[in-house]
Amino acid sequence: MVRHPGYLSYILSLAGIGLALSSLVGLGLAISIVPFISWRIKGEEEMLLIEFGEEYRAYMRKTKRLIPFVY
């Protein structure tokens, strides 16, 4: 359903910790980390496209990056 479940779980874990501790700092950390993770995903996907070409491109068409059915 998503191409990067590890990154998704990392973001959800940070958000969950922030919510569990009732910490705005924790929630802010979860939100602020998203642009950096998006940047890293872009680089990884470029490398995967070079390595696997059309096979990975087909996989990209079938799955979303981080949010099922959305992004």
PDB file of N, CA and C in Angstrom:
ATOM      1  N   MET A   1       0.819  -1.203   0.000  1.00  0.00           N
ATOM      2  CA  MET A   1       0.000   0.000   0.000  1.00  0.00           C
ATOM      3  C   MET A   1       0.859   1.263   0.000  1.00  0.00           C
ATOM      4  N   VAL A   2       2.003   1.232   0.699  1.00  0.00           N
ATOM      5  CA  VAL A   2       2.929   2.367   0.690  1.00  0.00           C
ATOM      6  C   VAL A   2       4.330   1.868   0.354  1.00  0.00           C
ATOM      7  N   ARG A   3       5.108   2.737  -0.291  1.00  0.00           N
ATOM      8  CA  ARG A   3       6.459   2.347  -0.696  1.00  0.00           C
ATOM      9  C   ARG A   3       7.466   2.474   0.439  1.00  0.00           C
ATOM     10  N   HIS A   4       7.166   3.281   1.429  1.00  0.00           N
ATOM     11  CA  HIS A   4       8.142   3.537   2.494  1.00  0.00           C
ATOM     12  C   HIS A   4       7.508   3.356   3.872  1.00  0.00           C
ATOM     13  N   PRO A   5       7.161   2.119   4.221  1.00  0.00           N
ATOM     14  CA  PRO A   5       6.503   1.890   5.515  1.00  0.00           C
ATOM     15  C   PRO A   5       7.400   2.209   6.709  1.00  0.00           C
ATOM     16  N   GLY A   6       8.697   2.086   6.560  1.00  0.00           N
ATOM     17  CA  GLY A   6       9.613   2.413   7.654  1.00  0.00           C
ATOM     18  C   GLY A   6       9.555   3.881   8.016  1.00  0.00           C
ATOM     19  N   TYR A   7       9.561   4.734   7.001  1.00  0.00           N
ATOM     20  CA  TYR A   7       9.471   6.172   7.260  1.00  0.00           C
ATOM     21  C   TYR A   7       8.101   6.544   7.816  1.00  0.00           C
ATOM     22  N   LEU A   8       7.054   5.919   7.311  1.00  0.00           N
ATOM     23  CA  LEU A   8       5.709   6.178   7.824  1.00  0.00           C
ATOM     24  C   LEU A   8       5.622   5.799   9.298  1.00  0.00           C
ATOM     25  N   SER A   9       6.166   4.652   9.662  1.00  0.00           N
ATOM     26  CA  SER A   9       6.108   4.230  11.064  1.00  0.00           C
ATOM     27  C   SER A   9       6.936   5.160  11.951  1.00  0.00           C
ATOM     28  N   TYR A  10       8.034   5.677  11.431  1.00  0.00           N
ATOM     29  CA  TYR A  10       8.854   6.627  12.186  1.00  0.00           C
ATOM     30  C   TYR A  10       8.066   7.903  12.494  1.00  0.00           C
ATOM     31  N   ILE A  11       7.396   8.442  11.484  1.00  0.00           N
ATOM     32  CA  ILE A  11       6.596   9.651  11.677  1.00  0.00           C
ATOM     33  C   ILE A  11       5.455   9.388  12.658  1.00  0.00           C
ATOM     34  N   LEU A  12       4.755   8.258  12.488  1.00  0.00           N
ATOM     35  CA  LEU A  12       3.650   7.927  13.387  1.00  0.00           C
ATOM     36  C   LEU A  12       4.134   7.689  14.813  1.00  0.00           C
ATOM     37  N   SER A  13       5.305   7.098  14.965  1.00  0.00           N
ATOM     38  CA  SER A  13       5.864   6.878  16.305  1.00  0.00           C
ATOM     39  C   SER A  13       6.167   8.204  16.992  1.00  0.00           C
ATOM     40  N   LEU A  14       6.788   9.117  16.261  1.00  0.00           N
ATOM     41  CA  LEU A  14       7.076  10.424  16.842  1.00  0.00           C
ATOM     42  C   LEU A  14       5.793  11.150  17.231  1.00  0.00           C
ATOM     43  N   ALA A  15       4.796  11.092  16.370  1.00  0.00           N
ATOM     44  CA  ALA A  15       3.521  11.742  16.675  1.00  0.00           C
ATOM     45  C   ALA A  15       2.863  11.058  17.878  1.00  0.00           C
ATOM     46  N   GLY A  16       2.921   9.735  17.936  1.00  0.00           N
ATOM     47  CA  GLY A  16       2.336   9.003  19.059  1.00  0.00           C
ATOM     48  C   GLY A  16       3.008   9.322  20.376  1.00  0.00           C
ATOM     49  N   ILE A  17       4.327   9.442  20.362  1.00  0.00           N
ATOM     50  CA  ILE A  17       5.053   9.803  21.582  1.00  0.00           C
ATOM     51  C   ILE A  17       4.645  11.200  22.029  1.00  0.00           C
ATOM     52  N   GLY A  18       4.569  12.116  21.072  1.00  0.00           N
ATOM     53  CA  GLY A  18       4.146  13.478  21.404  1.00  0.00           C
ATOM     54  C   GLY A  18       2.748  13.508  21.997  1.00  0.00           C
ATOM     55  N   LEU A  19       1.832  12.741  21.419  1.00  0.00           N
ATOM     56  CA  LEU A  19       0.467  12.679  21.944  1.00  0.00           C
ATOM     57  C   LEU A  19       0.433  11.994  23.310  1.00  0.00           C
ATOM     58  N   ALA A  20       1.164  10.904  23.466  1.00  0.00           N
ATOM     59  CA  ALA A  20       1.172  10.173  24.736  1.00  0.00           C
ATOM     60  C   ALA A  20       1.706  11.033  25.875  1.00  0.00           C
ATOM     61  N   LEU A  21       2.669  11.872  25.572  1.00  0.00           N
ATOM     62  CA  LEU A  21       3.256  12.743  26.584  1.00  0.00           C
ATOM     63  C   LEU A  21       2.564  14.102  26.662  1.00  0.00           C
ATOM     64  N   SER A  22       1.528  14.296  25.867  1.00  0.00           N
ATOM     65  CA  SER A  22       0.836  15.596  25.779  1.00  0.00           C
ATOM     66  C   SER A  22       1.841  16.714  25.547  1.00  0.00           C
ATOM     67  N   SER A  23       2.740  16.474  24.606  1.00  0.00           N
ATOM     68  CA  SER A  23       3.833  17.396  24.343  1.00  0.00           C
ATOM     69  C   SER A  23       3.688  18.040  22.970  1.00  0.00           C
ATOM     70  N   LEU A  24       3.556  19.353  22.982  1.00  0.00           N
ATOM     71  CA  LEU A  24       3.530  20.086  21.714  1.00  0.00           C
ATOM     72  C   LEU A  24       4.889  20.027  21.026  1.00  0.00           C
ATOM     73  N   VAL A  25       5.942  19.945  21.803  1.00  0.00           N
ATOM     74  CA  VAL A  25       7.293  19.831  21.243  1.00  0.00           C
ATOM     75  C   VAL A  25       7.414  18.520  20.469  1.00  0.00           C
ATOM     76  N   GLY A  26       6.903  17.443  21.033  1.00  0.00           N
ATOM     77  CA  GLY A  26       6.943  16.151  20.364  1.00  0.00           C
ATOM     78  C   GLY A  26       6.147  16.157  19.080  1.00  0.00           C
ATOM     79  N   LEU A  27       4.970  16.753  19.108  1.00  0.00           N
ATOM     80  CA  LEU A  27       4.165  16.859  17.887  1.00  0.00           C
ATOM     81  C   LEU A  27       4.851  17.758  16.860  1.00  0.00           C
ATOM     82  N   GLY A  28       5.447  18.834  17.342  1.00  0.00           N
ATOM     83  CA  GLY A  28       6.179  19.722  16.440  1.00  0.00           C
ATOM     84  C   GLY A  28       7.354  19.015  15.793  1.00  0.00           C
ATOM     85  N   LEU A  29       8.023  18.160  16.558  1.00  0.00           N
ATOM     86  CA  LEU A  29       9.140  17.382  16.013  1.00  0.00           C
ATOM     87  C   LEU A  29       8.654  16.449  14.911  1.00  0.00           C
ATOM     88  N   ALA A  30       7.533  15.790  15.147  1.00  0.00           N
ATOM     89  CA  ALA A  30       6.980  14.880  14.142  1.00  0.00           C
ATOM     90  C   ALA A  30       6.639  15.629  12.859  1.00  0.00           C
ATOM     91  N   ILE A  31       6.074  16.809  12.998  1.00  0.00           N
ATOM     92  CA  ILE A  31       5.700  17.603  11.823  1.00  0.00           C
ATOM     93  C   ILE A  31       6.939  18.164  11.132  1.00  0.00           C
ATOM     94  N   SER A  32       7.907  18.608  11.919  1.00  0.00           N
ATOM     95  CA  SER A  32       9.094  19.235  11.318  1.00  0.00           C
ATOM     96  C   SER A  32      10.001  18.234  10.615  1.00  0.00           C
ATOM     97  N   ILE A  33       9.909  16.968  10.961  1.00  0.00           N
ATOM     98  CA  ILE A  33      10.770  15.960  10.347  1.00  0.00           C
ATOM     99  C   ILE A  33      10.277  15.540   8.960  1.00  0.00           C
ATOM    100  N   VAL A  34       9.007  15.784   8.660  1.00  0.00           N
ATOM    101  CA  VAL A  34       8.412  15.344   7.396  1.00  0.00           C
ATOM    102  C   VAL A  34       9.142  15.895   6.164  1.00  0.00           C
ATOM    103  N   PRO A  35       9.497  17.183   6.097  1.00  0.00           N
ATOM    104  CA  PRO A  35      10.230  17.653   4.900  1.00  0.00           C
ATOM    105  C   PRO A  35      11.578  16.945   4.704  1.00  0.00           C
ATOM    106  N   PHE A  36      12.269  16.641   5.791  1.00  0.00           N
ATOM    107  CA  PHE A  36      13.554  15.952   5.677  1.00  0.00           C
ATOM    108  C   PHE A  36      13.364  14.518   5.182  1.00  0.00           C
ATOM    109  N   ILE A  37      12.336  13.864   5.676  1.00  0.00           N
ATOM    110  CA  ILE A  37      12.055  12.503   5.227  1.00  0.00           C
ATOM    111  C   ILE A  37      11.642  12.520   3.757  1.00  0.00           C
ATOM    112  N   SER A  38      10.839  13.497   3.358  1.00  0.00           N
ATOM    113  CA  SER A  38      10.433  13.612   1.951  1.00  0.00           C
ATOM    114  C   SER A  38      11.647  13.812   1.055  1.00  0.00           C
ATOM    115  N   TRP A  39      12.596  14.606   1.501  1.00  0.00           N
ATOM    116  CA  TRP A  39      13.825  14.845   0.743  1.00  0.00           C
ATOM    117  C   TRP A  39      14.622  13.550   0.593  1.00  0.00           C
ATOM    118  N   ARG A  40      14.700  12.795   1.675  1.00  0.00           N
ATOM    119  CA  ARG A  40      15.440  11.531   1.635  1.00  0.00           C
ATOM    120  C   ARG A  40      14.749  10.505   0.735  1.00  0.00           C
ATOM    121  N   ILE A  41      13.419  10.455   0.811  1.00  0.00           N
ATOM    122  CA  ILE A  41      12.664   9.533  -0.039  1.00  0.00           C
ATOM    123  C   ILE A  41      12.908   9.846  -1.507  1.00  0.00           C
ATOM    124  N   LYS A  42      12.912  11.121  -1.846  1.00  0.00           N
ATOM    125  CA  LYS A  42      13.139  11.514  -3.240  1.00  0.00           C
ATOM    126  C   LYS A  42      14.484  10.999  -3.734  1.00  0.00           C
ATOM    127  N   GLY A  43      15.520  11.159  -2.921  1.00  0.00           N
ATOM    128  CA  GLY A  43      16.848  10.670  -3.299  1.00  0.00           C
ATOM    129  C   GLY A  43      16.896   9.162  -3.445  1.00  0.00           C
ATOM    130  N   GLU A  44      16.260   8.466  -2.516  1.00  0.00           N
ATOM    131  CA  GLU A  44      16.243   7.005  -2.580  1.00  0.00           C
ATOM    132  C   GLU A  44      15.495   6.519  -3.818  1.00  0.00           C
ATOM    133  N   GLU A  45      14.381   7.166  -4.126  1.00  0.00           N
ATOM    134  CA  GLU A  45      13.611   6.748  -5.297  1.00  0.00           C
ATOM    135  C   GLU A  45      14.370   7.012  -6.591  1.00  0.00           C
ATOM    136  N   GLU A  46      15.144   8.077  -6.646  1.00  0.00           N
ATOM    137  CA  GLU A  46      15.968   8.332  -7.830  1.00  0.00           C
ATOM    138  C   GLU A  46      16.991   7.217  -8.020  1.00  0.00           C
ATOM    139  N   MET A  47      17.614   6.794  -6.915  1.00  0.00           N
ATOM    140  CA  MET A  47      18.582   5.696  -7.001  1.00  0.00           C
ATOM    141  C   MET A  47      17.899   4.393  -7.418  1.00  0.00           C
ATOM    142  N   LEU A  48      16.717   4.131  -6.880  1.00  0.00           N
ATOM    143  CA  LEU A  48      15.990   2.913  -7.238  1.00  0.00           C
ATOM    144  C   LEU A  48      15.569   2.921  -8.705  1.00  0.00           C
ATOM    145  N   LEU A  49      15.206   4.088  -9.221  1.00  0.00           N
ATOM    146  CA  LEU A  49      14.853   4.182 -10.639  1.00  0.00           C
ATOM    147  C   LEU A  49      16.058   3.899 -11.528  1.00  0.00           C
ATOM    148  N   ILE A  50      17.218   4.379 -11.119  1.00  0.00           N
ATOM    149  CA  ILE A  50      18.442   4.109 -11.881  1.00  0.00           C
ATOM    150  C   ILE A  50      18.752   2.617 -11.859  1.00  0.00           C
ATOM    151  N   GLU A  51      18.604   2.011 -10.702  1.00  0.00           N
ATOM    152  CA  GLU A  51      18.957   0.592 -10.547  1.00  0.00           C
ATOM    153  C   GLU A  51      17.939  -0.350 -11.192  1.00  0.00           C
ATOM    154  N   PHE A  52      16.636  -0.076 -10.996  1.00  0.00           N
ATOM    155  CA  PHE A  52      15.609  -1.020 -11.429  1.00  0.00           C
ATOM    156  C   PHE A  52      14.754  -0.534 -12.595  1.00  0.00           C
ATOM    157  N   GLY A  53      14.870   0.737 -12.959  1.00  0.00           N
ATOM    158  CA  GLY A  53      14.218   1.277 -14.148  1.00  0.00           C
ATOM    159  C   GLY A  53      12.716   1.119 -14.186  1.00  0.00           C
ATOM    160  N   GLU A  54      12.231   0.556 -15.276  1.00  0.00           N
ATOM    161  CA  GLU A  54      10.788   0.467 -15.523  1.00  0.00           C
ATOM    162  C   GLU A  54      10.082  -0.410 -14.493  1.00  0.00           C
ATOM    163  N   GLU A  55      10.758  -1.405 -13.975  1.00  0.00           N
ATOM    164  CA  GLU A  55      10.151  -2.267 -12.955  1.00  0.00           C
ATOM    165  C   GLU A  55       9.774  -1.453 -11.714  1.00  0.00           C
ATOM    166  N   TYR A  56      10.660  -0.572 -11.278  1.00  0.00           N
ATOM    167  CA  TYR A  56      10.359   0.271 -10.113  1.00  0.00           C
ATOM    168  C   TYR A  56       9.321   1.335 -10.468  1.00  0.00           C
ATOM    169  N   ARG A  57       9.396   1.858 -11.672  1.00  0.00           N
ATOM    170  CA  ARG A  57       8.408   2.849 -12.114  1.00  0.00           C
ATOM    171  C   ARG A  57       6.999   2.244 -12.080  1.00  0.00           C
ATOM    172  N   ALA A  58       6.853   1.000 -12.483  1.00  0.00           N
ATOM    173  CA  ALA A  58       5.558   0.312 -12.431  1.00  0.00           C
ATOM    174  C   ALA A  58       5.106   0.146 -10.979  1.00  0.00           C
ATOM    175  N   TYR A  59       6.049  -0.170 -10.101  1.00  0.00           N
ATOM    176  CA  TYR A  59       5.742  -0.293  -8.677  1.00  0.00           C
ATOM    177  C   TYR A  59       5.279   1.049  -8.113  1.00  0.00           C
ATOM    178  N   MET A  60       5.914   2.141  -8.557  1.00  0.00           N
ATOM    179  CA  MET A  60       5.529   3.477  -8.107  1.00  0.00           C
ATOM    180  C   MET A  60       4.092   3.811  -8.520  1.00  0.00           C
ATOM    181  N   ARG A  61       3.689   3.360  -9.691  1.00  0.00           N
ATOM    182  CA  ARG A  61       2.325   3.631 -10.157  1.00  0.00           C
ATOM    183  C   ARG A  61       1.293   2.872  -9.326  1.00  0.00           C
ATOM    184  N   LYS A  62       1.672   1.729  -8.769  1.00  0.00           N
ATOM    185  CA  LYS A  62       0.738   0.903  -8.001  1.00  0.00           C
ATOM    186  C   LYS A  62       0.631   1.312  -6.535  1.00  0.00           C
ATOM    187  N   THR A  63       1.642   1.985  -5.999  1.00  0.00           N
ATOM    188  CA  THR A  63       1.666   2.303  -4.570  1.00  0.00           C
ATOM    189  C   THR A  63       1.853   3.798  -4.348  1.00  0.00           C
ATOM    190  N   LYS A  64       1.505   4.246  -3.160  1.00  0.00           N
ATOM    191  CA  LYS A  64       1.720   5.639  -2.756  1.00  0.00           C
ATOM    192  C   LYS A  64       2.972   5.709  -1.893  1.00  0.00           C
ATOM    193  N   ARG A  65       3.509   6.914  -1.723  1.00  0.00           N
ATOM    194  CA  ARG A  65       4.745   7.065  -0.958  1.00  0.00           C
ATOM    195  C   ARG A  65       4.560   6.794   0.526  1.00  0.00           C
ATOM    196  N   LEU A  66       3.725   7.591   1.186  1.00  0.00           N
ATOM    197  CA  LEU A  66       3.612   7.485   2.645  1.00  0.00           C
ATOM    198  C   LEU A  66       2.194   7.279   3.151  1.00  0.00           C
ATOM    199  N   ILE A  67       1.207   7.859   2.496  1.00  0.00           N
ATOM    200  CA  ILE A  67      -0.163   7.793   2.976  1.00  0.00           C
ATOM    201  C   ILE A  67      -0.985   6.976   1.990  1.00  0.00           C
ATOM    202  N   PRO A  68      -1.488   5.835   2.431  1.00  0.00           N
ATOM    203  CA  PRO A  68      -2.250   4.980   1.500  1.00  0.00           C
ATOM    204  C   PRO A  68      -3.377   5.731   0.816  1.00  0.00           C
ATOM    205  N   PHE A  69      -3.495   5.539  -0.498  1.00  0.00           N
ATOM    206  CA  PHE A  69      -4.525   6.115  -1.343  1.00  0.00           C
ATOM    207  C   PHE A  69      -4.449   7.641  -1.498  1.00  0.00           C
ATOM    208  N   VAL A  70      -3.452   8.312  -0.878  1.00  0.00           N
ATOM    209  CA  VAL A  70      -3.370   9.776  -0.924  1.00  0.00           C
ATOM    210  C   VAL A  70      -2.035  10.237  -1.497  1.00  0.00           C
ATOM    211  N   TYR A  71      -0.924   9.959  -0.782  1.00  0.00           N
ATOM    212  CA  TYR A  71       0.410  10.452  -1.158  1.00  0.00           C
ATOM    213  C   TYR A  71       1.420   9.361  -0.972  1.00  0.00           C
TER     214      TYR A  71
END
